[in-house]
Amino acid sequence: MFGRPLPLLLLVGFLAFPLLVRSQDKSQENPSTPNPASPTAPASETSKKVWTNENLAGAKGTVSVVGDKRNQAYHMASGHPADPATAARIKKSLEKLQSQLDEVNNKLKSYKQFQDGEPVSTGARDVTKGYSRTPVDQQMVQLLDKKKQLEAEIGDLVDEARAKGVDPGQLR
């Protein structure tokens, strides 16, 4: 009659003992550190208020809204026009780079036609061009590198023009 409840009581005791010890250790750990849930915690440790659309009307002061034209700290267009000499210089440089890029594209096109087995010359001899012993695929790689370089230079010039306030229409 008394034999059965005793092992059950011992089992409950063994299971509850680590919980009791752990709760006593937490209370004796460090009494000098403030508990964040306690009312003596500093205000900097409390969580910040999160505003939603429902309670935004109750906010005090101004609220920054993305896209609000009144709160922009920058201007989209510069107030002063670009120097015409700068625009002309950049335009001349862009035209030079564009002509070089067109030459590279034409050479790449003719090398591609050569690789595909299509005829690339008209039979007339061009004395301005010489012979090259470099394989066509290597020449194409060099031309592709040059093309990337020219495109980067054109991009840099366009960025410079934009930074100096030159309108895109002045570069055409």
C-alpha atoms as a PDB file:
ATOM      1  CA  MET A   1       0.000   0.000   0.000  1.00  0.00           C
ATOM      2  CA  PHE A   2       2.745   2.485   0.819  1.00  0.00           C
ATOM      3  CA  GLY A   3       5.286   0.977  -1.588  1.00  0.00           C
ATOM      4  CA  ARG A   4       4.036   2.557  -4.758  1.00  0.00           C
ATOM      5  CA  PRO A   5       3.779   6.279  -3.864  1.00  0.00           C
ATOM      6  CA  LEU A   6       7.349   6.346  -2.470  1.00  0.00           C
ATOM      7  CA  PRO A   7       9.158   5.669  -5.818  1.00  0.00           C
ATOM      8  CA  LEU A   8       6.858   8.176  -7.524  1.00  0.00           C
ATOM      9  CA  LEU A   9       7.682  10.785  -4.896  1.00  0.00           C
ATOM     10  CA  LEU A  10      11.419  10.125  -5.264  1.00  0.00           C
ATOM     11  CA  LEU A  11      11.170  10.449  -9.050  1.00  0.00           C
ATOM     12  CA  VAL A  12       9.409  13.809  -8.777  1.00  0.00           C
ATOM     13  CA  GLY A  13      12.015  14.952  -6.255  1.00  0.00           C
ATOM     14  CA  PHE A  14      14.936  14.029  -8.524  1.00  0.00           C
ATOM     15  CA  LEU A  15      13.337  15.832 -11.456  1.00  0.00           C
ATOM     16  CA  ALA A  16      12.520  18.980  -9.468  1.00  0.00           C
ATOM     17  CA  PHE A  17      15.908  19.227  -7.694  1.00  0.00           C
ATOM     18  CA  PRO A  18      17.901  20.680 -10.667  1.00  0.00           C
ATOM     19  CA  LEU A  19      15.200  23.286 -11.244  1.00  0.00           C
ATOM     20  CA  LEU A  20      15.344  24.406  -7.614  1.00  0.00           C
ATOM     21  CA  VAL A  21      19.147  24.605  -7.656  1.00  0.00           C
ATOM     22  CA  ARG A  22      19.166  26.568 -10.929  1.00  0.00           C
ATOM     23  CA  SER A  23      16.626  29.124  -9.647  1.00  0.00           C
ATOM     24  CA  GLN A  24      18.695  29.668  -6.468  1.00  0.00           C
ATOM     25  CA  ASP A  25      21.880  30.163  -8.555  1.00  0.00           C
ATOM     26  CA  LYS A  26      20.202  32.822 -10.700  1.00  0.00           C
ATOM     27  CA  SER A  27      19.010  34.784  -7.699  1.00  0.00           C
ATOM     28  CA  GLN A  28      22.496  34.715  -6.103  1.00  0.00           C
ATOM     29  CA  GLU A  29      24.502  35.328  -9.331  1.00  0.00           C
ATOM     30  CA  ASN A  30      25.178  39.067  -9.323  1.00  0.00           C
ATOM     31  CA  PRO A  31      22.945  41.269  -7.269  1.00  0.00           C
ATOM     32  CA  SER A  32      24.737  44.460  -8.457  1.00  0.00           C
ATOM     33  CA  THR A  33      23.577  44.179 -12.103  1.00  0.00           C
ATOM     34  CA  PRO A  34      20.176  45.728 -12.675  1.00  0.00           C
ATOM     35  CA  ASN A  35      17.411  43.540 -13.930  1.00  0.00           C
ATOM     36  CA  PRO A  36      16.065  44.972 -17.212  1.00  0.00           C
ATOM     37  CA  ALA A  37      12.511  44.128 -16.140  1.00  0.00           C
ATOM     38  CA  SER A  38      12.926  45.971 -12.856  1.00  0.00           C
ATOM     39  CA  PRO A  39      11.737  49.586 -12.542  1.00  0.00           C
ATOM     40  CA  THR A  40      15.275  50.736 -11.592  1.00  0.00           C
ATOM     41  CA  ALA A  41      16.670  49.951 -15.067  1.00  0.00           C
ATOM     42  CA  PRO A  42      18.093  52.972 -16.931  1.00  0.00           C
ATOM     43  CA  ALA A  43      16.007  54.457 -19.747  1.00  0.00           C
ATOM     44  CA  SER A  44      18.652  53.716 -22.402  1.00  0.00           C
ATOM     45  CA  GLU A  45      18.146  49.987 -21.978  1.00  0.00           C
ATOM     46  CA  THR A  46      14.412  50.123 -22.621  1.00  0.00           C
ATOM     47  CA  SER A  47      13.177  49.250 -26.059  1.00  0.00           C
ATOM     48  CA  LYS A  48      12.458  51.974 -28.604  1.00  0.00           C
ATOM     49  CA  LYS A  49       8.953  52.813 -29.723  1.00  0.00           C
ATOM     50  CA  VAL A  50       8.038  51.389 -33.116  1.00  0.00           C
ATOM     51  CA  TRP A  51       5.625  53.592 -35.021  1.00  0.00           C
ATOM     52  CA  THR A  52       3.095  52.113 -37.388  1.00  0.00           C
ATOM     53  CA  ASN A  53       0.593  53.746 -39.730  1.00  0.00           C
ATOM     54  CA  GLU A  54      -2.153  53.327 -37.133  1.00  0.00           C
ATOM     55  CA  ASN A  55      -0.421  55.264 -34.347  1.00  0.00           C
ATOM     56  CA  LEU A  56       1.645  57.678 -36.478  1.00  0.00           C
ATOM     57  CA  ALA A  57      -0.875  60.461 -35.893  1.00  0.00           C
ATOM     58  CA  GLY A  58       0.049  60.447 -32.205  1.00  0.00           C
ATOM     59  CA  ALA A  59       3.734  61.123 -32.904  1.00  0.00           C
ATOM     60  CA  LYS A  60       5.116  64.446 -31.753  1.00  0.00           C
ATOM     61  CA  GLY A  61       7.268  66.572 -34.059  1.00  0.00           C
ATOM     62  CA  THR A  62       8.045  66.022 -37.718  1.00  0.00           C
ATOM     63  CA  VAL A  63       8.246  62.621 -39.294  1.00  0.00           C
ATOM     64  CA  SER A  64      10.661  61.883 -42.134  1.00  0.00           C
ATOM     65  CA  VAL A  65       8.876  60.313 -45.063  1.00  0.00           C
ATOM     66  CA  VAL A  66      10.710  58.723 -48.000  1.00  0.00           C
ATOM     67  CA  GLY A  67       9.965  60.601 -51.185  1.00  0.00           C
ATOM     68  CA  ASP A  68       8.745  63.751 -49.467  1.00  0.00           C
ATOM     69  CA  LYS A  69      10.039  66.681 -51.545  1.00  0.00           C
ATOM     70  CA  ARG A  70      10.082  68.989 -48.525  1.00  0.00           C
ATOM     71  CA  ASN A  71      12.722  66.930 -46.704  1.00  0.00           C
ATOM     72  CA  GLN A  72      15.278  66.531 -49.501  1.00  0.00           C
ATOM     73  CA  ALA A  73      18.767  67.605 -48.527  1.00  0.00           C
ATOM     74  CA  TYR A  74      20.001  67.662 -52.127  1.00  0.00           C
ATOM     75  CA  HIS A  75      18.909  69.163 -55.402  1.00  0.00           C
ATOM     76  CA  MET A  76      18.363  67.122 -58.524  1.00  0.00           C
ATOM     77  CA  ALA A  77      19.771  69.680 -60.974  1.00  0.00           C
ATOM     78  CA  SER A  78      22.607  72.098 -60.467  1.00  0.00           C
ATOM     79  CA  GLY A  79      21.694  75.771 -60.403  1.00  0.00           C
ATOM     80  CA  HIS A  80      24.496  76.883 -62.714  1.00  0.00           C
ATOM     81  CA  PRO A  81      24.927  75.880 -66.356  1.00  0.00           C
ATOM     82  CA  ALA A  82      27.983  73.936 -67.470  1.00  0.00           C
ATOM     83  CA  ASP A  83      30.942  75.637 -69.093  1.00  0.00           C
ATOM     84  CA  PRO A  84      30.590  75.412 -72.920  1.00  0.00           C
ATOM     85  CA  ALA A  85      34.343  74.823 -73.299  1.00  0.00           C
ATOM     86  CA  THR A  86      34.155  71.827 -70.956  1.00  0.00           C
ATOM     87  CA  ALA A  87      31.179  70.433 -72.848  1.00  0.00           C
ATOM     88  CA  ALA A  88      33.014  70.859 -76.174  1.00  0.00           C
ATOM     89  CA  ARG A  89      36.167  69.164 -74.813  1.00  0.00           C
ATOM     90  CA  ILE A  90      34.216  66.209 -73.456  1.00  0.00           C
ATOM     91  CA  LYS A  91      32.196  65.936 -76.673  1.00  0.00           C
ATOM     92  CA  LYS A  92      35.390  65.891 -78.777  1.00  0.00           C
ATOM     93  CA  SER A  93      36.922  63.204 -76.547  1.00  0.00           C
ATOM     94  CA  LEU A  94      33.742  61.143 -76.720  1.00  0.00           C
ATOM     95  CA  GLU A  95      33.678  61.345 -80.526  1.00  0.00           C
ATOM     96  CA  LYS A  96      37.316  60.190 -80.702  1.00  0.00           C
ATOM     97  CA  LEU A  97      36.685  57.263 -78.357  1.00  0.00           C
ATOM     98  CA  GLN A  98      33.501  56.334 -80.213  1.00  0.00           C
ATOM     99  CA  SER A  99      35.359  56.210 -83.548  1.00  0.00           C
ATOM    100  CA  GLN A 100      38.007  53.951 -81.978  1.00  0.00           C
ATOM    101  CA  LEU A 101      35.253  51.745 -80.577  1.00  0.00           C
ATOM    102  CA  ASP A 102      33.627  51.526 -84.009  1.00  0.00           C
ATOM    103  CA  GLU A 103      36.956  50.418 -85.530  1.00  0.00           C
ATOM    104  CA  VAL A 104      37.363  47.737 -82.880  1.00  0.00           C
ATOM    105  CA  ASN A 105      33.791  46.514 -83.473  1.00  0.00           C
ATOM    106  CA  ASN A 106      34.424  46.319 -87.250  1.00  0.00           C
ATOM    107  CA  LYS A 107      37.623  44.321 -86.723  1.00  0.00           C
ATOM    108  CA  LEU A 108      35.848  41.981 -84.338  1.00  0.00           C
ATOM    109  CA  LYS A 109      33.096  41.489 -86.888  1.00  0.00           C
ATOM    110  CA  SER A 110      35.576  40.646 -89.668  1.00  0.00           C
ATOM    111  CA  TYR A 111      37.501  38.230 -87.391  1.00  0.00           C
ATOM    112  CA  LYS A 112      34.235  36.547 -86.455  1.00  0.00           C
ATOM    113  CA  GLN A 113      33.356  36.187 -90.146  1.00  0.00           C
ATOM    114  CA  PHE A 114      36.816  34.718 -90.785  1.00  0.00           C
ATOM    115  CA  GLN A 115      36.353  32.169 -88.011  1.00  0.00           C
ATOM    116  CA  ASP A 116      32.957  31.211 -89.427  1.00  0.00           C
ATOM    117  CA  GLY A 117      34.544  30.573 -92.842  1.00  0.00           C
ATOM    118  CA  GLU A 118      32.895  33.481 -94.646  1.00  0.00           C
ATOM    119  CA  PRO A 119      34.901  35.601 -97.105  1.00  0.00           C
ATOM    120  CA  VAL A 120      36.088  38.805 -95.449  1.00  0.00           C
ATOM    121  CA  SER A 121      37.959  40.617 -98.210  1.00  0.00           C
ATOM    122  CA  THR A 122      37.016  41.843-101.645  1.00  0.00           C
ATOM    123  CA  GLY A 123      40.247  40.685-103.226  1.00  0.00           C
ATOM    124  CA  ALA A 124      41.807  44.128-103.400  1.00  0.00           C
ATOM    125  CA  ARG A 125      45.070  44.503-101.529  1.00  0.00           C
ATOM    126  CA  ASP A 126      45.147  47.094 -98.781  1.00  0.00           C
ATOM    127  CA  VAL A 127      48.739  48.348 -98.459  1.00  0.00           C
ATOM    128  CA  THR A 128      48.036  50.009 -95.107  1.00  0.00           C
ATOM    129  CA  LYS A 129      47.439  46.660 -93.465  1.00  0.00           C
ATOM    130  CA  GLY A 130      50.217  44.230 -92.739  1.00  0.00           C
ATOM    131  CA  TYR A 131      50.352  40.588 -91.882  1.00  0.00           C
ATOM    132  CA  SER A 132      50.125  39.336 -88.335  1.00  0.00           C
ATOM    133  CA  ARG A 133      51.352  35.989 -87.073  1.00  0.00           C
ATOM    134  CA  THR A 134      49.141  36.161 -83.996  1.00  0.00           C
ATOM    135  CA  PRO A 135      46.284  33.663 -84.175  1.00  0.00           C
ATOM    136  CA  VAL A 136      42.834  35.109 -84.800  1.00  0.00           C
ATOM    137  CA  ASP A 137      41.382  33.988 -81.487  1.00  0.00           C
ATOM    138  CA  GLN A 138      44.176  35.756 -79.583  1.00  0.00           C
ATOM    139  CA  GLN A 139      43.679  38.886 -81.670  1.00  0.00           C
ATOM    140  CA  MET A 140      39.973  38.748 -80.802  1.00  0.00           C
ATOM    141  CA  VAL A 141      40.783  38.529 -77.091  1.00  0.00           C
ATOM    142  CA  GLN A 142      43.037  41.596 -77.400  1.00  0.00           C
ATOM    143  CA  LEU A 143      40.308  43.466 -79.259  1.00  0.00           C
ATOM    144  CA  LEU A 144      37.711  42.529 -76.657  1.00  0.00           C
ATOM    145  CA  ASP A 145      40.015  43.874 -73.931  1.00  0.00           C
ATOM    146  CA  LYS A 146      40.483  47.085 -75.887  1.00  0.00           C
ATOM    147  CA  LYS A 147      36.713  47.321 -76.357  1.00  0.00           C
ATOM    148  CA  LYS A 148      36.139  47.018 -72.599  1.00  0.00           C
ATOM    149  CA  GLN A 149      38.790  49.672 -71.970  1.00  0.00           C
ATOM    150  CA  LEU A 150      37.219  52.080 -74.486  1.00  0.00           C
ATOM    151  CA  GLU A 151      33.737  51.528 -73.057  1.00  0.00           C
ATOM    152  CA  ALA A 152      35.075  52.236 -69.553  1.00  0.00           C
ATOM    153  CA  GLU A 153      36.720  55.454 -70.759  1.00  0.00           C
ATOM    154  CA  ILE A 154      33.477  56.535 -72.421  1.00  0.00           C
ATOM    155  CA  GLY A 155      31.598  55.819 -69.200  1.00  0.00           C
ATOM    156  CA  ASP A 156      34.120  57.827 -67.195  1.00  0.00           C
ATOM    157  CA  LEU A 157      33.756  60.787 -69.554  1.00  0.00           C
ATOM    158  CA  VAL A 158      29.978  60.665 -69.316  1.00  0.00           C
ATOM    159  CA  ASP A 159      30.230  60.553 -65.499  1.00  0.00           C
ATOM    160  CA  GLU A 160      32.626  63.505 -65.555  1.00  0.00           C
ATOM    161  CA  ALA A 161      30.213  65.444 -67.756  1.00  0.00           C
ATOM    162  CA  ARG A 162      27.328  64.656 -65.415  1.00  0.00           C
ATOM    163  CA  ALA A 163      29.371  65.769 -62.404  1.00  0.00           C
ATOM    164  CA  LYS A 164      30.239  69.063 -64.091  1.00  0.00           C
ATOM    165  CA  GLY A 165      26.609  69.747 -64.970  1.00  0.00           C
ATOM    166  CA  VAL A 166      26.775  69.093 -68.719  1.00  0.00           C
ATOM    167  CA  ASP A 167      23.383  68.158 -70.175  1.00  0.00           C
ATOM    168  CA  PRO A 168      23.300  64.899 -72.156  1.00  0.00           C
ATOM    169  CA  GLY A 169      21.965  66.827 -75.143  1.00  0.00           C
ATOM    170  CA  GLN A 170      25.162  68.872 -75.313  1.00  0.00           C
ATOM    171  CA  LEU A 171      27.226  65.722 -75.855  1.00  0.00           C
ATOM    172  CA  ARG A 172      25.319  64.571 -78.948  1.00  0.00           C
END
